[in-house]
Amino acid sequence: MKQPDVRAFLWDIRNGCALLREIAATHTFDDYAGDVILRLAVERQFEIIAEALRNVQKTDPPSAGRITAAAQIIAFRNRIAHDYWRVLNPIVWATIYDHVPLLEREVTQLLDEMPPPKSR
């Protein structure tokens, strides 16, 4: 089986970051805290971002090494997935503002530096 292109994982991370920023721009913390569907959507994006990052670590370790706090991002996903009862709404919401913008910038820079995919 062919190894997936690291750009696909990086794109998933960047897309997840953009979706989280959009949610934060159109909702308040009170909206988030009071709406289980919205919380699930946010948590799902964090899970996708971290799983994609884990795949970047496997397929392109040097690129993963350029992402600040990669290990903490994956640990955050593990907390959401496995210790869900200890997930605090204020921390999840604050993470969108405090950490997502840097991650999105770093991933965008990596994507901008990569050559385009080879045509078939």
C-alpha atoms as a PDB file:
ATOM      1  CA  MET A   1       0.000   0.000   0.000  1.00  0.00           C
ATOM      2  CA  LYS A   2       1.274   3.449  -0.929  1.00  0.00           C
ATOM      3  CA  GLN A   3       2.193   5.769   1.940  1.00  0.00           C
ATOM      4  CA  PRO A   4      -0.128   8.812   2.089  1.00  0.00           C
ATOM      5  CA  ASP A   5       1.383  12.127   1.068  1.00  0.00           C
ATOM      6  CA  VAL A   6       2.314  14.208   4.122  1.00  0.00           C
ATOM      7  CA  ARG A   7       0.687  17.224   2.459  1.00  0.00           C
ATOM      8  CA  ALA A   8      -2.724  15.584   2.918  1.00  0.00           C
ATOM      9  CA  PHE A   9      -2.183  15.361   6.671  1.00  0.00           C
ATOM     10  CA  LEU A  10      -0.887  18.928   6.825  1.00  0.00           C
ATOM     11  CA  TRP A  11      -3.901  20.104   4.858  1.00  0.00           C
ATOM     12  CA  ASP A  12      -6.205  18.315   7.332  1.00  0.00           C
ATOM     13  CA  ILE A  13      -4.481  20.132  10.196  1.00  0.00           C
ATOM     14  CA  ARG A  14      -4.765  23.503   8.487  1.00  0.00           C
ATOM     15  CA  ASN A  15      -8.407  22.873   7.582  1.00  0.00           C
ATOM     16  CA  GLY A  16      -9.210  21.868  11.171  1.00  0.00           C
ATOM     17  CA  CYS A  17      -7.558  25.020  12.466  1.00  0.00           C
ATOM     18  CA  ALA A  18      -9.592  27.147  10.043  1.00  0.00           C
ATOM     19  CA  LEU A  19     -12.814  25.466  11.134  1.00  0.00           C
ATOM     20  CA  LEU A  20     -11.997  26.034  14.807  1.00  0.00           C
ATOM     21  CA  ARG A  21     -11.244  29.714  14.124  1.00  0.00           C
ATOM     22  CA  GLU A  22     -14.548  30.035  12.271  1.00  0.00           C
ATOM     23  CA  ILE A  23     -16.433  28.479  15.178  1.00  0.00           C
ATOM     24  CA  ALA A  24     -14.739  30.830  17.636  1.00  0.00           C
ATOM     25  CA  ALA A  25     -15.509  33.829  15.428  1.00  0.00           C
ATOM     26  CA  THR A  26     -19.219  33.021  15.242  1.00  0.00           C
ATOM     27  CA  HIS A  27     -19.859  31.698  18.758  1.00  0.00           C
ATOM     28  CA  THR A  28     -19.183  32.743  22.322  1.00  0.00           C
ATOM     29  CA  PHE A  29     -17.840  30.608  25.125  1.00  0.00           C
ATOM     30  CA  ASP A  30     -21.371  30.495  26.547  1.00  0.00           C
ATOM     31  CA  ASP A  31     -22.632  29.145  23.207  1.00  0.00           C
ATOM     32  CA  TYR A  32     -19.916  26.504  23.317  1.00  0.00           C
ATOM     33  CA  ALA A  33     -20.501  25.544  26.944  1.00  0.00           C
ATOM     34  CA  GLY A  34     -24.264  25.313  26.469  1.00  0.00           C
ATOM     35  CA  ASP A  35     -24.402  23.389  23.200  1.00  0.00           C
ATOM     36  CA  VAL A  36     -23.347  19.748  23.286  1.00  0.00           C
ATOM     37  CA  ILE A  37     -23.355  19.493  19.474  1.00  0.00           C
ATOM     38  CA  LEU A  38     -21.005  22.475  19.199  1.00  0.00           C
ATOM     39  CA  ARG A  39     -18.705  20.989  21.846  1.00  0.00           C
ATOM     40  CA  LEU A  40     -18.623  17.694  19.977  1.00  0.00           C
ATOM     41  CA  ALA A  41     -17.773  19.507  16.726  1.00  0.00           C
ATOM     42  CA  VAL A  42     -14.894  21.384  18.372  1.00  0.00           C
ATOM     43  CA  GLU A  43     -13.566  18.290  20.094  1.00  0.00           C
ATOM     44  CA  ARG A  44     -13.781  16.334  16.827  1.00  0.00           C
ATOM     45  CA  GLN A  45     -11.663  18.939  15.051  1.00  0.00           C
ATOM     46  CA  PHE A  46      -9.032  18.705  17.780  1.00  0.00           C
ATOM     47  CA  GLU A  47      -9.046  14.919  17.393  1.00  0.00           C
ATOM     48  CA  ILE A  48      -8.597  15.162  13.614  1.00  0.00           C
ATOM     49  CA  ILE A  49      -5.816  17.739  13.958  1.00  0.00           C
ATOM     50  CA  ALA A  50      -3.871  15.614  16.432  1.00  0.00           C
ATOM     51  CA  GLU A  51      -4.371  12.372  14.519  1.00  0.00           C
ATOM     52  CA  ALA A  52      -3.163  14.072  11.349  1.00  0.00           C
ATOM     53  CA  LEU A  53      -0.167  15.408  13.281  1.00  0.00           C
ATOM     54  CA  ARG A  54       0.605  11.899  14.537  1.00  0.00           C
ATOM     55  CA  ASN A  55       0.636  10.780  10.901  1.00  0.00           C
ATOM     56  CA  VAL A  56       2.959  13.656   9.988  1.00  0.00           C
ATOM     57  CA  GLN A  57       5.317  12.415  12.707  1.00  0.00           C
ATOM     58  CA  LYS A  58       5.307   8.956  11.096  1.00  0.00           C
ATOM     59  CA  THR A  59       5.613  10.034   7.456  1.00  0.00           C
ATOM     60  CA  ASP A  60       7.816  13.141   7.743  1.00  0.00           C
ATOM     61  CA  PRO A  61       9.512  13.482  11.154  1.00  0.00           C
ATOM     62  CA  PRO A  62      11.531  16.588  10.166  1.00  0.00           C
ATOM     63  CA  SER A  63       8.333  18.477   9.316  1.00  0.00           C
ATOM     64  CA  ALA A  64       6.657  17.317  12.502  1.00  0.00           C
ATOM     65  CA  GLY A  65       9.688  18.545  14.418  1.00  0.00           C
ATOM     66  CA  ARG A  66       8.993  22.058  13.158  1.00  0.00           C
ATOM     67  CA  ILE A  67       5.542  22.109  14.771  1.00  0.00           C
ATOM     68  CA  THR A  68       5.603  23.728  18.185  1.00  0.00           C
ATOM     69  CA  ALA A  69       4.206  21.549  20.959  1.00  0.00           C
ATOM     70  CA  ALA A  70       3.441  18.570  18.712  1.00  0.00           C
ATOM     71  CA  ALA A  71       3.575  16.169  21.658  1.00  0.00           C
ATOM     72  CA  GLN A  72       1.221  18.351  23.701  1.00  0.00           C
ATOM     73  CA  ILE A  73      -1.236  18.583  20.809  1.00  0.00           C
ATOM     74  CA  ILE A  74      -1.378  14.797  20.586  1.00  0.00           C
ATOM     75  CA  ALA A  75      -1.684  14.520  24.374  1.00  0.00           C
ATOM     76  CA  PHE A  76      -4.611  16.958  24.255  1.00  0.00           C
ATOM     77  CA  ARG A  77      -6.345  14.691  21.744  1.00  0.00           C
ATOM     78  CA  ASN A  78      -5.705  11.698  23.971  1.00  0.00           C
ATOM     79  CA  ARG A  79      -7.285  13.542  26.888  1.00  0.00           C
ATOM     80  CA  ILE A  80     -10.365  14.322  24.806  1.00  0.00           C
ATOM     81  CA  ALA A  81     -10.642  10.748  23.532  1.00  0.00           C
ATOM     82  CA  HIS A  82      -9.697   8.745  26.608  1.00  0.00           C
ATOM     83  CA  ASP A  83     -10.193  11.014  29.646  1.00  0.00           C
ATOM     84  CA  TYR A  84     -13.256  12.804  28.317  1.00  0.00           C
ATOM     85  CA  TRP A  85     -14.717  13.222  31.794  1.00  0.00           C
ATOM     86  CA  ARG A  86     -11.746  15.421  32.739  1.00  0.00           C
ATOM     87  CA  VAL A  87     -12.022  17.756  29.733  1.00  0.00           C
ATOM     88  CA  LEU A  88     -12.748  21.284  30.898  1.00  0.00           C
ATOM     89  CA  ASN A  89     -14.744  23.532  28.589  1.00  0.00           C
ATOM     90  CA  PRO A  90     -12.742  26.695  29.394  1.00  0.00           C
ATOM     91  CA  ILE A  91      -9.469  24.953  28.490  1.00  0.00           C
ATOM     92  CA  VAL A  92     -10.789  23.616  25.189  1.00  0.00           C
ATOM     93  CA  TRP A  93     -12.201  27.019  24.246  1.00  0.00           C
ATOM     94  CA  ALA A  94      -9.037  28.865  25.278  1.00  0.00           C
ATOM     95  CA  THR A  95      -6.933  26.451  23.225  1.00  0.00           C
ATOM     96  CA  ILE A  96      -8.606  27.732  20.073  1.00  0.00           C
ATOM     97  CA  TYR A  97      -7.353  31.242  20.838  1.00  0.00           C
ATOM     98  CA  ASP A  98      -4.049  30.416  22.533  1.00  0.00           C
ATOM     99  CA  HIS A  99      -2.616  27.644  20.353  1.00  0.00           C
ATOM    100  CA  VAL A 100      -4.515  27.138  17.105  1.00  0.00           C
ATOM    101  CA  PRO A 101      -3.251  30.318  15.348  1.00  0.00           C
ATOM    102  CA  LEU A 102       0.414  29.331  15.772  1.00  0.00           C
ATOM    103  CA  LEU A 103      -0.262  25.771  14.623  1.00  0.00           C
ATOM    104  CA  GLU A 104      -2.081  27.051  11.556  1.00  0.00           C
ATOM    105  CA  ARG A 105       0.796  29.414  10.680  1.00  0.00           C
ATOM    106  CA  GLU A 106       3.408  26.677  11.091  1.00  0.00           C
ATOM    107  CA  VAL A 107       1.478  24.184   8.979  1.00  0.00           C
ATOM    108  CA  THR A 108       0.800  26.792   6.298  1.00  0.00           C
ATOM    109  CA  GLN A 109       4.522  27.577   6.151  1.00  0.00           C
ATOM    110  CA  LEU A 110       5.364  23.883   5.794  1.00  0.00           C
ATOM    111  CA  LEU A 111       2.828  23.481   2.997  1.00  0.00           C
ATOM    112  CA  ASP A 112       4.114  26.598   1.228  1.00  0.00           C
ATOM    113  CA  GLU A 113       7.666  25.205   1.294  1.00  0.00           C
ATOM    114  CA  MET A 114       6.739  21.813  -0.143  1.00  0.00           C
ATOM    115  CA  PRO A 115       6.841  21.112  -3.856  1.00  0.00           C
ATOM    116  CA  PRO A 116       3.505  20.546  -5.551  1.00  0.00           C
ATOM    117  CA  PRO A 117       2.363  16.945  -5.894  1.00  0.00           C
ATOM    118  CA  LYS A 118       3.668  15.075  -8.904  1.00  0.00           C
ATOM    119  CA  SER A 119       1.137  14.762 -11.689  1.00  0.00           C
ATOM    120  CA  ARG A 120       0.255  11.252 -12.737  1.00  0.00           C
END
